[in-house]
Amino acid sequence: MDKKELDIILKEGEGYKSEFKEGISGLEREIVAFANASGGKVFLGVTDDGKVKGIEPTHKLKSQIQDIANNCRPRIKISTEDFDNVLIINVREGEDKPYECSSGFYKRIGPNSQKMTRNEILDFFKSEGKIRFDELTE
């Protein structure tokens, strides 16, 4: 990522594939939502309105973020990159959907991560081919 690309993303604001966070609070929900969707990027050190507050991309912080991804079920593959006092977390689209974290199942709807209802979770399992009701025996 270069400065021009980052500036464009910050100006466009949060969207289906981008989330701004000042810190790691609530990060697990965003990671799960992106893995359950088409993937995306979390920009740490950025306010909701696209202003760079900055964050120190320490080894400890990166380790905490990796632990968050590893504690999701199943584990979520992420990578990080530092740029201009912003830590960018790249979340790939999951290959074994649906994913969940300790607070539940989440999906990305536009620029927001929403907790799934029971029926949405069932529909998600069906749409991913995890449950085939026609094959179940009574």
N, C-alpha and C. Protein backbone atom coordinates (compact mmCIF):
# COMPACT_ATOMS: atom_id res chain seq x y z
N MET A 1 0.85 -1.17 0.00
CA MET A 1 0.00 0.00 0.00
C MET A 1 0.90 1.24 0.00
N ASP A 2 0.50 2.24 -0.75
CA ASP A 2 1.26 3.49 -0.76
C ASP A 2 0.40 4.62 -0.18
N LYS A 3 1.01 5.77 -0.01
CA LYS A 3 0.34 6.92 0.62
C LYS A 3 -0.92 7.33 -0.14
N LYS A 4 -0.83 7.34 -1.46
CA LYS A 4 -1.96 7.74 -2.29
C LYS A 4 -3.15 6.79 -2.09
N GLU A 5 -2.87 5.49 -2.10
CA GLU A 5 -3.93 4.49 -1.91
C GLU A 5 -4.57 4.64 -0.53
N LEU A 6 -3.75 4.83 0.51
CA LEU A 6 -4.27 5.01 1.86
C LEU A 6 -5.14 6.27 1.94
N ASP A 7 -4.68 7.36 1.36
CA ASP A 7 -5.45 8.61 1.36
C ASP A 7 -6.81 8.43 0.70
N ILE A 8 -6.85 7.69 -0.39
CA ILE A 8 -8.13 7.44 -1.09
C ILE A 8 -9.07 6.66 -0.19
N ILE A 9 -8.56 5.62 0.46
CA ILE A 9 -9.39 4.79 1.35
C ILE A 9 -9.91 5.63 2.52
N LEU A 10 -9.04 6.45 3.10
CA LEU A 10 -9.46 7.28 4.23
C LEU A 10 -10.53 8.29 3.81
N LYS A 11 -10.42 8.82 2.61
CA LYS A 11 -11.42 9.78 2.12
C LYS A 11 -12.75 9.09 1.82
N GLU A 12 -12.68 7.87 1.26
CA GLU A 12 -13.91 7.14 0.92
C GLU A 12 -14.67 6.73 2.17
N GLY A 13 -13.94 6.48 3.25
CA GLY A 13 -14.57 6.06 4.50
C GLY A 13 -14.76 4.55 4.57
N GLU A 14 -15.37 4.15 5.66
CA GLU A 14 -15.59 2.72 5.87
C GLU A 14 -16.55 2.17 4.82
N GLY A 15 -16.35 0.91 4.48
CA GLY A 15 -17.19 0.28 3.48
C GLY A 15 -17.25 -1.21 3.69
N TYR A 16 -17.75 -1.90 2.69
CA TYR A 16 -17.92 -3.35 2.76
C TYR A 16 -16.58 -4.06 3.00
N LYS A 17 -15.49 -3.49 2.48
CA LYS A 17 -14.17 -4.14 2.59
C LYS A 17 -13.17 -3.34 3.42
N SER A 18 -13.63 -2.31 4.14
CA SER A 18 -12.70 -1.53 4.96
C SER A 18 -13.37 -1.08 6.26
N GLU A 19 -12.61 -1.17 7.34
CA GLU A 19 -13.08 -0.79 8.67
C GLU A 19 -11.99 0.01 9.36
N PHE A 20 -12.38 1.12 10.01
CA PHE A 20 -11.42 1.93 10.75
C PHE A 20 -11.62 1.68 12.24
N LYS A 21 -10.51 1.48 12.95
CA LYS A 21 -10.57 1.28 14.39
C LYS A 21 -9.41 2.02 15.04
N GLU A 22 -9.70 2.64 16.17
CA GLU A 22 -8.64 3.35 16.90
C GLU A 22 -7.76 2.37 17.68
N GLY A 23 -8.34 1.26 18.13
CA GLY A 23 -7.60 0.26 18.90
C GLY A 23 -8.17 -1.12 18.63
N ILE A 24 -7.78 -2.09 19.45
CA ILE A 24 -8.19 -3.48 19.16
C ILE A 24 -9.50 -3.88 19.84
N SER A 25 -10.13 -2.98 20.57
CA SER A 25 -11.41 -3.29 21.20
C SER A 25 -12.45 -3.64 20.13
N GLY A 26 -13.06 -4.82 20.26
CA GLY A 26 -14.07 -5.25 19.29
C GLY A 26 -13.51 -5.77 17.98
N LEU A 27 -12.21 -5.94 17.92
CA LEU A 27 -11.57 -6.36 16.66
C LEU A 27 -12.02 -7.74 16.20
N GLU A 28 -12.28 -8.64 17.15
CA GLU A 28 -12.68 -10.00 16.76
C GLU A 28 -13.94 -10.01 15.92
N ARG A 29 -14.90 -9.14 16.23
CA ARG A 29 -16.14 -9.07 15.44
C ARG A 29 -15.85 -8.68 13.99
N GLU A 30 -14.95 -7.70 13.81
CA GLU A 30 -14.64 -7.24 12.45
C GLU A 30 -13.92 -8.33 11.65
N ILE A 31 -12.99 -9.02 12.30
CA ILE A 31 -12.25 -10.09 11.62
C ILE A 31 -13.20 -11.20 11.19
N VAL A 32 -14.10 -11.60 12.10
CA VAL A 32 -15.07 -12.66 11.78
C VAL A 32 -16.00 -12.21 10.65
N ALA A 33 -16.48 -10.98 10.71
CA ALA A 33 -17.40 -10.48 9.68
C ALA A 33 -16.73 -10.47 8.31
N PHE A 34 -15.47 -10.04 8.24
CA PHE A 34 -14.76 -10.03 6.95
C PHE A 34 -14.52 -11.46 6.46
N ALA A 35 -14.15 -12.37 7.35
CA ALA A 35 -13.92 -13.77 6.94
C ALA A 35 -15.22 -14.41 6.44
N ASN A 36 -16.35 -14.02 7.01
CA ASN A 36 -17.64 -14.57 6.58
C ASN A 36 -18.15 -13.89 5.31
N ALA A 37 -17.52 -12.80 4.91
CA ALA A 37 -17.91 -12.08 3.69
C ALA A 37 -16.84 -12.33 2.62
N SER A 38 -16.39 -11.27 1.98
CA SER A 38 -15.42 -11.39 0.89
C SER A 38 -14.02 -10.97 1.30
N GLY A 39 -13.78 -10.91 2.62
CA GLY A 39 -12.49 -10.43 3.11
C GLY A 39 -12.51 -8.92 3.21
N GLY A 40 -11.43 -8.36 3.75
CA GLY A 40 -11.35 -6.91 3.88
C GLY A 40 -10.15 -6.48 4.68
N LYS A 41 -10.08 -5.21 4.96
CA LYS A 41 -8.94 -4.63 5.69
C LYS A 41 -9.45 -3.82 6.88
N VAL A 42 -8.78 -4.02 8.02
CA VAL A 42 -9.04 -3.22 9.20
C VAL A 42 -7.86 -2.27 9.35
N PHE A 43 -8.15 -0.99 9.44
CA PHE A 43 -7.11 0.03 9.58
C PHE A 43 -7.08 0.47 11.05
N LEU A 44 -6.07 -0.02 11.78
CA LEU A 44 -5.93 0.34 13.19
C LEU A 44 -5.18 1.65 13.32
N GLY A 45 -5.68 2.50 14.23
CA GLY A 45 -5.06 3.81 14.41
C GLY A 45 -5.79 4.88 13.63
N VAL A 46 -7.02 4.55 13.18
CA VAL A 46 -7.81 5.48 12.37
C VAL A 46 -9.19 5.64 13.02
N THR A 47 -9.65 6.89 13.16
CA THR A 47 -10.97 7.15 13.74
C THR A 47 -12.06 6.80 12.72
N ASP A 48 -13.29 6.70 13.19
CA ASP A 48 -14.41 6.35 12.31
C ASP A 48 -14.59 7.34 11.17
N ASP A 49 -14.16 8.58 11.37
CA ASP A 49 -14.31 9.58 10.31
C ASP A 49 -13.07 9.69 9.42
N GLY A 50 -12.15 8.70 9.53
CA GLY A 50 -11.02 8.64 8.61
C GLY A 50 -9.80 9.46 8.99
N LYS A 51 -9.73 9.93 10.22
CA LYS A 51 -8.57 10.69 10.68
C LYS A 51 -7.54 9.75 11.28
N VAL A 52 -6.28 9.89 10.90
CA VAL A 52 -5.22 9.03 11.42
C VAL A 52 -4.80 9.55 12.79
N LYS A 53 -5.08 8.75 13.83
CA LYS A 53 -4.60 9.06 15.17
C LYS A 53 -3.22 8.44 15.36
N GLY A 54 -3.03 7.33 14.64
CA GLY A 54 -1.76 6.62 14.72
C GLY A 54 -1.78 5.55 15.80
N ILE A 55 -0.97 4.54 15.59
CA ILE A 55 -0.85 3.44 16.55
C ILE A 55 0.58 2.91 16.43
N GLU A 56 1.14 2.51 17.54
CA GLU A 56 2.50 1.96 17.56
C GLU A 56 2.42 0.48 17.18
N PRO A 57 2.92 0.12 15.99
CA PRO A 57 2.81 -1.29 15.54
C PRO A 57 3.87 -2.18 16.18
N THR A 58 3.75 -2.38 17.49
CA THR A 58 4.73 -3.18 18.23
C THR A 58 4.55 -4.67 17.96
N HIS A 59 5.59 -5.41 18.31
CA HIS A 59 5.51 -6.87 18.19
C HIS A 59 4.41 -7.40 19.10
N LYS A 60 4.27 -6.81 20.29
CA LYS A 60 3.24 -7.23 21.24
C LYS A 60 1.84 -7.04 20.64
N LEU A 61 1.61 -5.89 20.03
CA LEU A 61 0.31 -5.60 19.42
C LEU A 61 0.01 -6.59 18.30
N LYS A 62 0.99 -6.83 17.43
CA LYS A 62 0.79 -7.78 16.34
C LYS A 62 0.51 -9.18 16.87
N SER A 63 1.16 -9.54 17.96
CA SER A 63 0.94 -10.84 18.59
C SER A 63 -0.48 -10.93 19.16
N GLN A 64 -0.95 -9.86 19.78
CA GLN A 64 -2.32 -9.82 20.31
C GLN A 64 -3.34 -10.00 19.18
N ILE A 65 -3.09 -9.34 18.07
CA ILE A 65 -4.00 -9.42 16.91
C ILE A 65 -4.02 -10.84 16.35
N GLN A 66 -2.84 -11.46 16.25
CA GLN A 66 -2.77 -12.84 15.76
C GLN A 66 -3.50 -13.78 16.71
N ASP A 67 -3.37 -13.55 18.02
CA ASP A 67 -4.10 -14.37 19.01
C ASP A 67 -5.61 -14.24 18.82
N ILE A 68 -6.07 -13.02 18.56
CA ILE A 68 -7.51 -12.80 18.33
C ILE A 68 -7.98 -13.64 17.14
N ALA A 69 -7.23 -13.61 16.04
CA ALA A 69 -7.60 -14.38 14.84
C ALA A 69 -7.52 -15.88 15.12
N ASN A 70 -6.53 -16.31 15.89
CA ASN A 70 -6.37 -17.74 16.20
C ASN A 70 -7.46 -18.25 17.14
N ASN A 71 -8.04 -17.37 17.94
CA ASN A 71 -9.08 -17.78 18.89
C ASN A 71 -10.47 -17.82 18.27
N CYS A 72 -10.59 -17.40 17.02
CA CYS A 72 -11.85 -17.54 16.30
C CYS A 72 -12.00 -19.01 15.92
N ARG A 73 -13.24 -19.42 15.67
CA ARG A 73 -13.49 -20.81 15.29
C ARG A 73 -14.14 -20.86 13.92
N PRO A 74 -13.56 -21.54 12.93
CA PRO A 74 -12.16 -21.98 12.92
C PRO A 74 -11.21 -20.78 12.85
N ARG A 75 -9.91 -21.06 12.97
CA ARG A 75 -8.92 -19.99 12.94
C ARG A 75 -9.02 -19.20 11.64
N ILE A 76 -8.75 -17.91 11.75
CA ILE A 76 -8.84 -17.03 10.58
C ILE A 76 -7.44 -16.60 10.17
N LYS A 77 -7.17 -16.68 8.87
CA LYS A 77 -5.86 -16.29 8.34
C LYS A 77 -5.84 -14.79 8.10
N ILE A 78 -4.85 -14.14 8.71
CA ILE A 78 -4.69 -12.70 8.53
C ILE A 78 -3.22 -12.39 8.25
N SER A 79 -2.98 -11.20 7.79
CA SER A 79 -1.61 -10.68 7.69
C SER A 79 -1.69 -9.21 8.07
N THR A 80 -0.55 -8.66 8.48
CA THR A 80 -0.53 -7.26 8.87
C THR A 80 0.56 -6.53 8.10
N GLU A 81 0.35 -5.25 7.93
CA GLU A 81 1.37 -4.39 7.34
C GLU A 81 1.29 -3.02 8.04
N ASP A 82 2.46 -2.42 8.25
CA ASP A 82 2.53 -1.09 8.87
C ASP A 82 2.69 -0.07 7.77
N PHE A 83 1.94 1.02 7.92
CA PHE A 83 2.13 2.11 6.97
C PHE A 83 1.72 3.42 7.60
N ASP A 84 2.64 4.34 7.71
CA ASP A 84 2.32 5.71 8.10
C ASP A 84 1.56 5.78 9.43
N ASN A 85 2.06 5.08 10.47
CA ASN A 85 1.42 5.02 11.79
C ASN A 85 0.05 4.35 11.79
N VAL A 86 -0.23 3.57 10.77
CA VAL A 86 -1.46 2.80 10.69
C VAL A 86 -1.07 1.34 10.55
N LEU A 87 -1.71 0.48 11.33
CA LEU A 87 -1.49 -0.96 11.20
C LEU A 87 -2.67 -1.52 10.41
N ILE A 88 -2.37 -2.10 9.27
CA ILE A 88 -3.42 -2.62 8.39
C ILE A 88 -3.50 -4.13 8.57
N ILE A 89 -4.68 -4.61 8.92
CA ILE A 89 -4.91 -6.04 9.09
C ILE A 89 -5.67 -6.52 7.87
N ASN A 90 -5.04 -7.41 7.11
CA ASN A 90 -5.66 -7.98 5.92
C ASN A 90 -6.34 -9.29 6.31
N VAL A 91 -7.64 -9.35 6.12
CA VAL A 91 -8.42 -10.54 6.44
C VAL A 91 -8.87 -11.17 5.13
N ARG A 92 -8.48 -12.41 4.91
CA ARG A 92 -8.90 -13.11 3.69
C ARG A 92 -10.33 -13.64 3.84
N GLU A 93 -10.97 -13.80 2.72
CA GLU A 93 -12.27 -14.47 2.75
C GLU A 93 -12.06 -15.88 3.26
N GLY A 94 -12.89 -16.29 4.19
CA GLY A 94 -12.74 -17.61 4.79
C GLY A 94 -13.03 -18.74 3.82
N GLU A 95 -12.29 -19.81 4.00
CA GLU A 95 -12.50 -21.01 3.17
C GLU A 95 -13.37 -22.03 3.86
N ASP A 96 -13.67 -21.82 5.16
CA ASP A 96 -14.44 -22.77 5.94
C ASP A 96 -15.53 -22.03 6.73
N LYS A 97 -16.34 -21.27 6.01
CA LYS A 97 -17.39 -20.47 6.63
C LYS A 97 -18.47 -21.37 7.21
N PRO A 98 -19.20 -20.91 8.21
CA PRO A 98 -19.11 -19.62 8.88
C PRO A 98 -18.09 -19.63 10.02
N TYR A 99 -17.59 -18.46 10.32
CA TYR A 99 -16.62 -18.26 11.40
C TYR A 99 -17.34 -17.60 12.57
N GLU A 100 -16.84 -17.86 13.77
CA GLU A 100 -17.41 -17.22 14.95
C GLU A 100 -16.30 -16.83 15.91
N CYS A 101 -16.62 -15.87 16.77
CA CYS A 101 -15.71 -15.47 17.84
C CYS A 101 -16.45 -15.67 19.15
N SER A 102 -15.83 -15.31 20.24
CA SER A 102 -16.44 -15.57 21.55
C SER A 102 -17.80 -14.89 21.72
N SER A 103 -18.04 -13.79 20.99
CA SER A 103 -19.32 -13.10 21.14
C SER A 103 -20.34 -13.49 20.07
N GLY A 104 -20.00 -14.44 19.19
CA GLY A 104 -20.98 -14.93 18.23
C GLY A 104 -20.53 -14.90 16.78
N PHE A 105 -21.51 -15.03 15.89
CA PHE A 105 -21.29 -15.03 14.45
C PHE A 105 -21.61 -13.63 13.92
N TYR A 106 -20.76 -13.12 13.02
CA TYR A 106 -20.96 -11.78 12.46
C TYR A 106 -20.84 -11.83 10.95
N LYS A 107 -21.54 -10.89 10.29
CA LYS A 107 -21.44 -10.76 8.84
C LYS A 107 -21.30 -9.28 8.51
N ARG A 108 -20.76 -9.01 7.36
CA ARG A 108 -20.54 -7.64 6.91
C ARG A 108 -21.74 -7.21 6.08
N ILE A 109 -22.36 -6.12 6.48
CA ILE A 109 -23.47 -5.54 5.73
C ILE A 109 -23.08 -4.10 5.45
N GLY A 110 -22.72 -3.82 4.22
CA GLY A 110 -22.23 -2.48 3.87
C GLY A 110 -21.01 -2.15 4.72
N PRO A 111 -21.01 -1.00 5.38
CA PRO A 111 -19.85 -0.61 6.18
C PRO A 111 -19.92 -1.09 7.63
N ASN A 112 -20.86 -2.00 7.94
CA ASN A 112 -21.04 -2.42 9.33
C ASN A 112 -20.91 -3.93 9.49
N SER A 113 -20.46 -4.32 10.67
CA SER A 113 -20.44 -5.73 11.05
C SER A 113 -21.64 -5.97 11.96
N GLN A 114 -22.51 -6.88 11.56
CA GLN A 114 -23.74 -7.15 12.30
C GLN A 114 -23.73 -8.56 12.85
N LYS A 115 -24.19 -8.70 14.08
CA LYS A 115 -24.32 -10.04 14.67
C LYS A 115 -25.46 -10.77 13.97
N MET A 116 -25.23 -12.03 13.66
CA MET A 116 -26.25 -12.82 12.97
C MET A 116 -27.27 -13.37 13.96
N THR A 117 -28.51 -13.40 13.53
CA THR A 117 -29.56 -14.02 14.32
C THR A 117 -29.50 -15.53 14.13
N ARG A 118 -30.24 -16.25 14.92
CA ARG A 118 -30.27 -17.71 14.82
C ARG A 118 -30.66 -18.15 13.40
N ASN A 119 -31.70 -17.54 12.85
CA ASN A 119 -32.14 -17.93 11.52
C ASN A 119 -31.12 -17.56 10.43
N GLU A 120 -30.43 -16.43 10.61
CA GLU A 120 -29.39 -16.05 9.65
C GLU A 120 -28.23 -17.04 9.70
N ILE A 121 -27.92 -17.53 10.89
CA ILE A 121 -26.85 -18.53 11.03
C ILE A 121 -27.25 -19.82 10.32
N LEU A 122 -28.50 -20.25 10.52
CA LEU A 122 -28.98 -21.46 9.84
C LEU A 122 -28.95 -21.28 8.32
N ASP A 123 -29.41 -20.13 7.84
CA ASP A 123 -29.38 -19.86 6.40
C ASP A 123 -27.95 -19.84 5.87
N PHE A 124 -27.03 -19.29 6.67
CA PHE A 124 -25.63 -19.22 6.27
C PHE A 124 -25.05 -20.62 6.13
N PHE A 125 -25.34 -21.49 7.11
CA PHE A 125 -24.88 -22.88 7.03
C PHE A 125 -25.42 -23.56 5.78
N LYS A 126 -26.69 -23.35 5.49
CA LYS A 126 -27.29 -23.94 4.29
C LYS A 126 -26.65 -23.39 3.02
N SER A 127 -26.47 -22.07 2.95
CA SER A 127 -25.92 -21.47 1.74
C SER A 127 -24.47 -21.88 1.50
N GLU A 128 -23.74 -22.20 2.56
CA GLU A 128 -22.35 -22.64 2.42
C GLU A 128 -22.25 -24.15 2.20
N GLY A 129 -23.40 -24.82 2.16
CA GLY A 129 -23.39 -26.26 1.91
C GLY A 129 -22.97 -27.09 3.10
N LYS A 130 -23.02 -26.51 4.30
CA LYS A 130 -22.61 -27.23 5.51
C LYS A 130 -23.73 -28.15 6.00
N ILE A 131 -24.98 -27.76 5.72
CA ILE A 131 -26.13 -28.57 6.13
C ILE A 131 -27.02 -28.74 4.92
N ARG A 132 -27.34 -29.97 4.63
CA ARG A 132 -28.27 -30.25 3.53
C ARG A 132 -29.49 -30.93 4.14
N PHE A 133 -30.54 -30.13 4.31
CA PHE A 133 -31.71 -30.64 5.01
C PHE A 133 -32.37 -31.80 4.27
N ASP A 134 -32.22 -31.84 2.95
CA ASP A 134 -32.82 -32.95 2.20
C ASP A 134 -32.10 -34.26 2.44
N GLU A 135 -30.89 -34.22 3.01
CA GLU A 135 -30.14 -35.44 3.28
C GLU A 135 -30.30 -35.92 4.71
N LEU A 136 -30.92 -35.13 5.55
CA LEU A 136 -31.12 -35.52 6.95
C LEU A 136 -32.20 -36.58 7.05
N THR A 137 -31.98 -37.55 7.92
CA THR A 137 -33.00 -38.57 8.14
C THR A 137 -33.75 -38.27 9.42
N GLU A 138 -34.98 -38.69 9.46
CA GLU A 138 -35.79 -38.39 10.64
C GLU A 138 -35.72 -39.51 11.63
